[in-house]
Amino acid sequence: MIKRIENDLADAIRAQDELRRDTLRLILTALRSAEKNLLRPLSEDEELQVLQRERKRRVEAAEAFRAGDRPERATREEAELTVLEEYMPPPLSQEELEEIVDNAVAAVGATSVRDLGRVMADVMPQVSGRADGSVVSQLVREALA
């Protein structure tokens, strides 16, 4: 992924696309920083975790800027989010998510909300990077209720 982002960054620089250039530099810095911390190249899952972390930061920053009456900064964060999401796998639909949760509930043999942790442990690896954990948690709670 780093090589792909580096190539896209070079294209953005040539095209003089400042937003894309700056966003790709931020993503690349986050990925390289994670590699440096681990002292080895990142696996695909680890790259995805870094992108998810960056995505969450953009969403939270956009919300904070909107709440702080800074719509121009919120718009910038949302534009960066759009560029970032190009490198993430497509999100799961509600139906796909519900099917994964239902299958996990059946596989684990969960019967009550007390089994939430076991079901979540089964579901999260399957939806990694493709669904928000709080949404998944809510669906699991509904399925177990």
C-alpha atoms as a PDB file:
ATOM      1  CA  MET A   1       0.000   0.000   0.000  1.00  0.00           C
ATOM      2  CA  ILE A   2       2.839   2.390   0.786  1.00  0.00           C
ATOM      3  CA  LYS A   3       4.193   2.010  -2.742  1.00  0.00           C
ATOM      4  CA  ARG A   4       0.730   2.729  -4.201  1.00  0.00           C
ATOM      5  CA  ILE A   5       0.345   5.848  -2.056  1.00  0.00           C
ATOM      6  CA  GLU A   6       3.844   7.026  -3.012  1.00  0.00           C
ATOM      7  CA  ASN A   7       2.942   6.684  -6.705  1.00  0.00           C
ATOM      8  CA  ASP A   8      -0.363   8.489  -6.190  1.00  0.00           C
ATOM      9  CA  LEU A   9       1.468  11.209  -4.256  1.00  0.00           C
ATOM     10  CA  ALA A  10       3.857  11.741  -7.168  1.00  0.00           C
ATOM     11  CA  ASP A  11       0.852  12.000  -9.511  1.00  0.00           C
ATOM     12  CA  ALA A  12      -0.837  14.518  -7.206  1.00  0.00           C
ATOM     13  CA  ILE A  13       2.330  16.619  -7.061  1.00  0.00           C
ATOM     14  CA  ARG A  14       2.590  16.611 -10.850  1.00  0.00           C
ATOM     15  CA  ALA A  15      -1.087  17.548 -11.150  1.00  0.00           C
ATOM     16  CA  GLN A  16      -0.615  20.280  -8.519  1.00  0.00           C
ATOM     17  CA  ASP A  17      -3.561  18.894  -6.527  1.00  0.00           C
ATOM     18  CA  GLU A  18      -2.789  20.385  -3.113  1.00  0.00           C
ATOM     19  CA  LEU A  19      -5.562  18.668  -1.149  1.00  0.00           C
ATOM     20  CA  ARG A  20      -4.700  15.215  -2.474  1.00  0.00           C
ATOM     21  CA  ARG A  21      -0.957  15.848  -2.078  1.00  0.00           C
ATOM     22  CA  ASP A  22      -1.293  16.965   1.534  1.00  0.00           C
ATOM     23  CA  THR A  23      -3.673  14.149   2.451  1.00  0.00           C
ATOM     24  CA  LEU A  24      -1.466  11.483   0.893  1.00  0.00           C
ATOM     25  CA  ARG A  25       1.550  12.885   2.732  1.00  0.00           C
ATOM     26  CA  LEU A  26      -0.330  12.620   6.030  1.00  0.00           C
ATOM     27  CA  ILE A  27      -1.379   9.032   5.299  1.00  0.00           C
ATOM     28  CA  LEU A  28       2.147   8.087   4.238  1.00  0.00           C
ATOM     29  CA  THR A  29       3.589   9.643   7.385  1.00  0.00           C
ATOM     30  CA  ALA A  30       1.151   7.692   9.565  1.00  0.00           C
ATOM     31  CA  LEU A  31       1.999   4.414   7.804  1.00  0.00           C
ATOM     32  CA  ARG A  32       5.754   4.983   8.008  1.00  0.00           C
ATOM     33  CA  SER A  33       5.490   5.992  11.654  1.00  0.00           C
ATOM     34  CA  ALA A  34       3.678   2.753  12.438  1.00  0.00           C
ATOM     35  CA  GLU A  35       6.381   0.806  10.596  1.00  0.00           C
ATOM     36  CA  LYS A  36       9.071   2.608  12.553  1.00  0.00           C
ATOM     37  CA  ASN A  37       7.333   1.844  15.855  1.00  0.00           C
ATOM     38  CA  LEU A  38       7.057  -1.853  14.994  1.00  0.00           C
ATOM     39  CA  LEU A  39      10.568  -1.990  13.486  1.00  0.00           C
ATOM     40  CA  ARG A  40       9.254  -3.993  10.514  1.00  0.00           C
ATOM     41  CA  PRO A  41       7.017  -3.589   7.460  1.00  0.00           C
ATOM     42  CA  LEU A  42       3.289  -3.485   8.184  1.00  0.00           C
ATOM     43  CA  SER A  43       0.962  -6.345   7.312  1.00  0.00           C
ATOM     44  CA  GLU A  44      -2.190  -5.577   5.338  1.00  0.00           C
ATOM     45  CA  ASP A  45      -4.268  -5.700   8.525  1.00  0.00           C
ATOM     46  CA  GLU A  46      -1.914  -3.298  10.260  1.00  0.00           C
ATOM     47  CA  GLU A  47      -2.033  -0.907   7.305  1.00  0.00           C
ATOM     48  CA  LEU A  48      -5.799  -1.057   7.465  1.00  0.00           C
ATOM     49  CA  GLN A  49      -5.734  -0.301  11.193  1.00  0.00           C
ATOM     50  CA  VAL A  50      -3.610   2.789  10.542  1.00  0.00           C
ATOM     51  CA  LEU A  51      -6.047   3.941   7.853  1.00  0.00           C
ATOM     52  CA  GLN A  52      -8.988   3.335  10.183  1.00  0.00           C
ATOM     53  CA  ARG A  53      -7.296   5.414  12.869  1.00  0.00           C
ATOM     54  CA  GLU A  54      -6.710   8.234  10.386  1.00  0.00           C
ATOM     55  CA  ARG A  55     -10.301   7.958   9.164  1.00  0.00           C
ATOM     56  CA  LYS A  56     -11.601   8.241  12.718  1.00  0.00           C
ATOM     57  CA  ARG A  57      -9.436  11.313  13.327  1.00  0.00           C
ATOM     58  CA  ARG A  58     -10.860  13.017  10.230  1.00  0.00           C
ATOM     59  CA  VAL A  59     -14.452  12.249  11.203  1.00  0.00           C
ATOM     60  CA  GLU A  60     -13.942  13.503  14.762  1.00  0.00           C
ATOM     61  CA  ALA A  61     -12.108  16.615  13.578  1.00  0.00           C
ATOM     62  CA  ALA A  62     -14.872  17.448  11.088  1.00  0.00           C
ATOM     63  CA  GLU A  63     -17.491  17.087  13.830  1.00  0.00           C
ATOM     64  CA  ALA A  64     -15.450  19.251  16.199  1.00  0.00           C
ATOM     65  CA  PHE A  65     -14.957  21.969  13.576  1.00  0.00           C
ATOM     66  CA  ARG A  66     -18.691  21.984  12.773  1.00  0.00           C
ATOM     67  CA  ALA A  67     -19.497  22.240  16.474  1.00  0.00           C
ATOM     68  CA  GLY A  68     -16.946  25.054  16.787  1.00  0.00           C
ATOM     69  CA  ASP A  69     -18.550  26.958  13.906  1.00  0.00           C
ATOM     70  CA  ARG A  70     -15.597  26.435  11.561  1.00  0.00           C
ATOM     71  CA  PRO A  71     -17.332  25.010   8.475  1.00  0.00           C
ATOM     72  CA  GLU A  72     -14.388  25.682   6.143  1.00  0.00           C
ATOM     73  CA  ARG A  73     -12.088  23.468   8.256  1.00  0.00           C
ATOM     74  CA  ALA A  74     -14.798  20.814   8.578  1.00  0.00           C
ATOM     75  CA  THR A  75     -15.152  20.760   4.791  1.00  0.00           C
ATOM     76  CA  ARG A  76     -11.378  20.322   4.455  1.00  0.00           C
ATOM     77  CA  GLU A  77     -11.398  17.377   6.878  1.00  0.00           C
ATOM     78  CA  GLU A  78     -14.256  15.771   4.955  1.00  0.00           C
ATOM     79  CA  ALA A  79     -12.383  16.232   1.679  1.00  0.00           C
ATOM     80  CA  GLU A  80      -9.326  14.548   3.227  1.00  0.00           C
ATOM     81  CA  LEU A  81     -11.609  11.746   4.402  1.00  0.00           C
ATOM     82  CA  THR A  82     -12.795  11.211   0.832  1.00  0.00           C
ATOM     83  CA  VAL A  83      -9.194  10.789  -0.364  1.00  0.00           C
ATOM     84  CA  LEU A  84      -8.389   8.480   2.551  1.00  0.00           C
ATOM     85  CA  GLU A  85     -11.369   6.223   1.872  1.00  0.00           C
ATOM     86  CA  GLU A  86     -10.031   5.485  -1.621  1.00  0.00           C
ATOM     87  CA  TYR A  87      -7.424   3.272   0.067  1.00  0.00           C
ATOM     88  CA  MET A  88      -9.847   1.433   2.334  1.00  0.00           C
ATOM     89  CA  PRO A  89     -11.936  -1.599   1.396  1.00  0.00           C
ATOM     90  CA  PRO A  90     -15.573  -0.856   0.546  1.00  0.00           C
ATOM     91  CA  PRO A  91     -17.835  -0.814   3.628  1.00  0.00           C
ATOM     92  CA  LEU A  92     -20.204  -3.682   4.287  1.00  0.00           C
ATOM     93  CA  SER A  93     -23.892  -3.129   3.647  1.00  0.00           C
ATOM     94  CA  GLN A  94     -26.348  -3.366   6.533  1.00  0.00           C
ATOM     95  CA  GLU A  95     -27.601  -6.721   5.207  1.00  0.00           C
ATOM     96  CA  GLU A  96     -24.086  -8.178   4.937  1.00  0.00           C
ATOM     97  CA  LEU A  97     -23.294  -6.997   8.437  1.00  0.00           C
ATOM     98  CA  GLU A  98     -26.486  -8.503   9.862  1.00  0.00           C
ATOM     99  CA  GLU A  99     -25.731 -11.817   8.142  1.00  0.00           C
ATOM    100  CA  ILE A 100     -22.211 -11.923   9.619  1.00  0.00           C
ATOM    101  CA  VAL A 101     -23.597 -11.128  13.087  1.00  0.00           C
ATOM    102  CA  ASP A 102     -26.325 -13.780  12.800  1.00  0.00           C
ATOM    103  CA  ASN A 103     -23.795 -16.397  11.671  1.00  0.00           C
ATOM    104  CA  ALA A 104     -21.466 -15.504  14.542  1.00  0.00           C
ATOM    105  CA  VAL A 105     -24.280 -15.709  17.105  1.00  0.00           C
ATOM    106  CA  ALA A 106     -25.158 -19.176  15.795  1.00  0.00           C
ATOM    107  CA  ALA A 107     -21.518 -20.326  15.612  1.00  0.00           C
ATOM    108  CA  VAL A 108     -20.730 -19.224  19.162  1.00  0.00           C
ATOM    109  CA  GLY A 109     -24.049 -20.508  20.492  1.00  0.00           C
ATOM    110  CA  ALA A 110     -24.788 -17.170  22.128  1.00  0.00           C
ATOM    111  CA  THR A 111     -28.070 -16.861  23.970  1.00  0.00           C
ATOM    112  CA  SER A 112     -27.872 -13.633  25.937  1.00  0.00           C
ATOM    113  CA  VAL A 113     -26.122 -10.271  26.146  1.00  0.00           C
ATOM    114  CA  ARG A 114     -23.588 -11.925  28.483  1.00  0.00           C
ATOM    115  CA  ASP A 115     -22.152 -13.605  25.362  1.00  0.00           C
ATOM    116  CA  LEU A 116     -21.503 -10.240  23.706  1.00  0.00           C
ATOM    117  CA  GLY A 117     -17.714 -10.486  24.060  1.00  0.00           C
ATOM    118  CA  ARG A 118     -17.523 -13.938  22.477  1.00  0.00           C
ATOM    119  CA  VAL A 119     -19.692 -12.876  19.544  1.00  0.00           C
ATOM    120  CA  MET A 120     -17.740  -9.638  19.044  1.00  0.00           C
ATOM    121  CA  ALA A 121     -14.471 -11.614  19.090  1.00  0.00           C
ATOM    122  CA  ASP A 122     -15.859 -13.728  16.243  1.00  0.00           C
ATOM    123  CA  VAL A 123     -17.355 -10.838  14.233  1.00  0.00           C
ATOM    124  CA  MET A 124     -14.650  -8.156  14.377  1.00  0.00           C
ATOM    125  CA  PRO A 125     -11.955 -10.034  12.421  1.00  0.00           C
ATOM    126  CA  GLN A 126     -14.513 -10.636   9.659  1.00  0.00           C
ATOM    127  CA  VAL A 127     -15.504  -6.974   9.349  1.00  0.00           C
ATOM    128  CA  SER A 128     -12.105  -5.411  10.018  1.00  0.00           C
ATOM    129  CA  GLY A 129     -11.897  -2.074   8.261  1.00  0.00           C
ATOM    130  CA  ARG A 130     -15.254  -2.472   6.618  1.00  0.00           C
ATOM    131  CA  ALA A 131     -17.583  -1.543   9.477  1.00  0.00           C
ATOM    132  CA  ASP A 132     -17.484   0.699  12.532  1.00  0.00           C
ATOM    133  CA  GLY A 133     -17.079  -1.182  15.802  1.00  0.00           C
ATOM    134  CA  SER A 134     -19.874   0.737  17.536  1.00  0.00           C
ATOM    135  CA  VAL A 135     -22.319  -0.173  14.751  1.00  0.00           C
ATOM    136  CA  VAL A 136     -21.277  -3.819  14.973  1.00  0.00           C
ATOM    137  CA  SER A 137     -21.654  -3.763  18.757  1.00  0.00           C
ATOM    138  CA  GLN A 138     -25.154  -2.339  18.450  1.00  0.00           C
ATOM    139  CA  LEU A 139     -26.156  -5.017  15.926  1.00  0.00           C
ATOM    140  CA  VAL A 140     -24.784  -7.768  18.168  1.00  0.00           C
ATOM    141  CA  ARG A 141     -26.697  -6.357  21.156  1.00  0.00           C
ATOM    142  CA  GLU A 142     -29.899  -6.305  19.105  1.00  0.00           C
ATOM    143  CA  ALA A 143     -29.335  -9.855  17.914  1.00  0.00           C
ATOM    144  CA  LEU A 144     -28.785 -11.081  21.469  1.00  0.00           C
ATOM    145  CA  ALA A 145     -31.672  -9.168  23.004  1.00  0.00           C
END
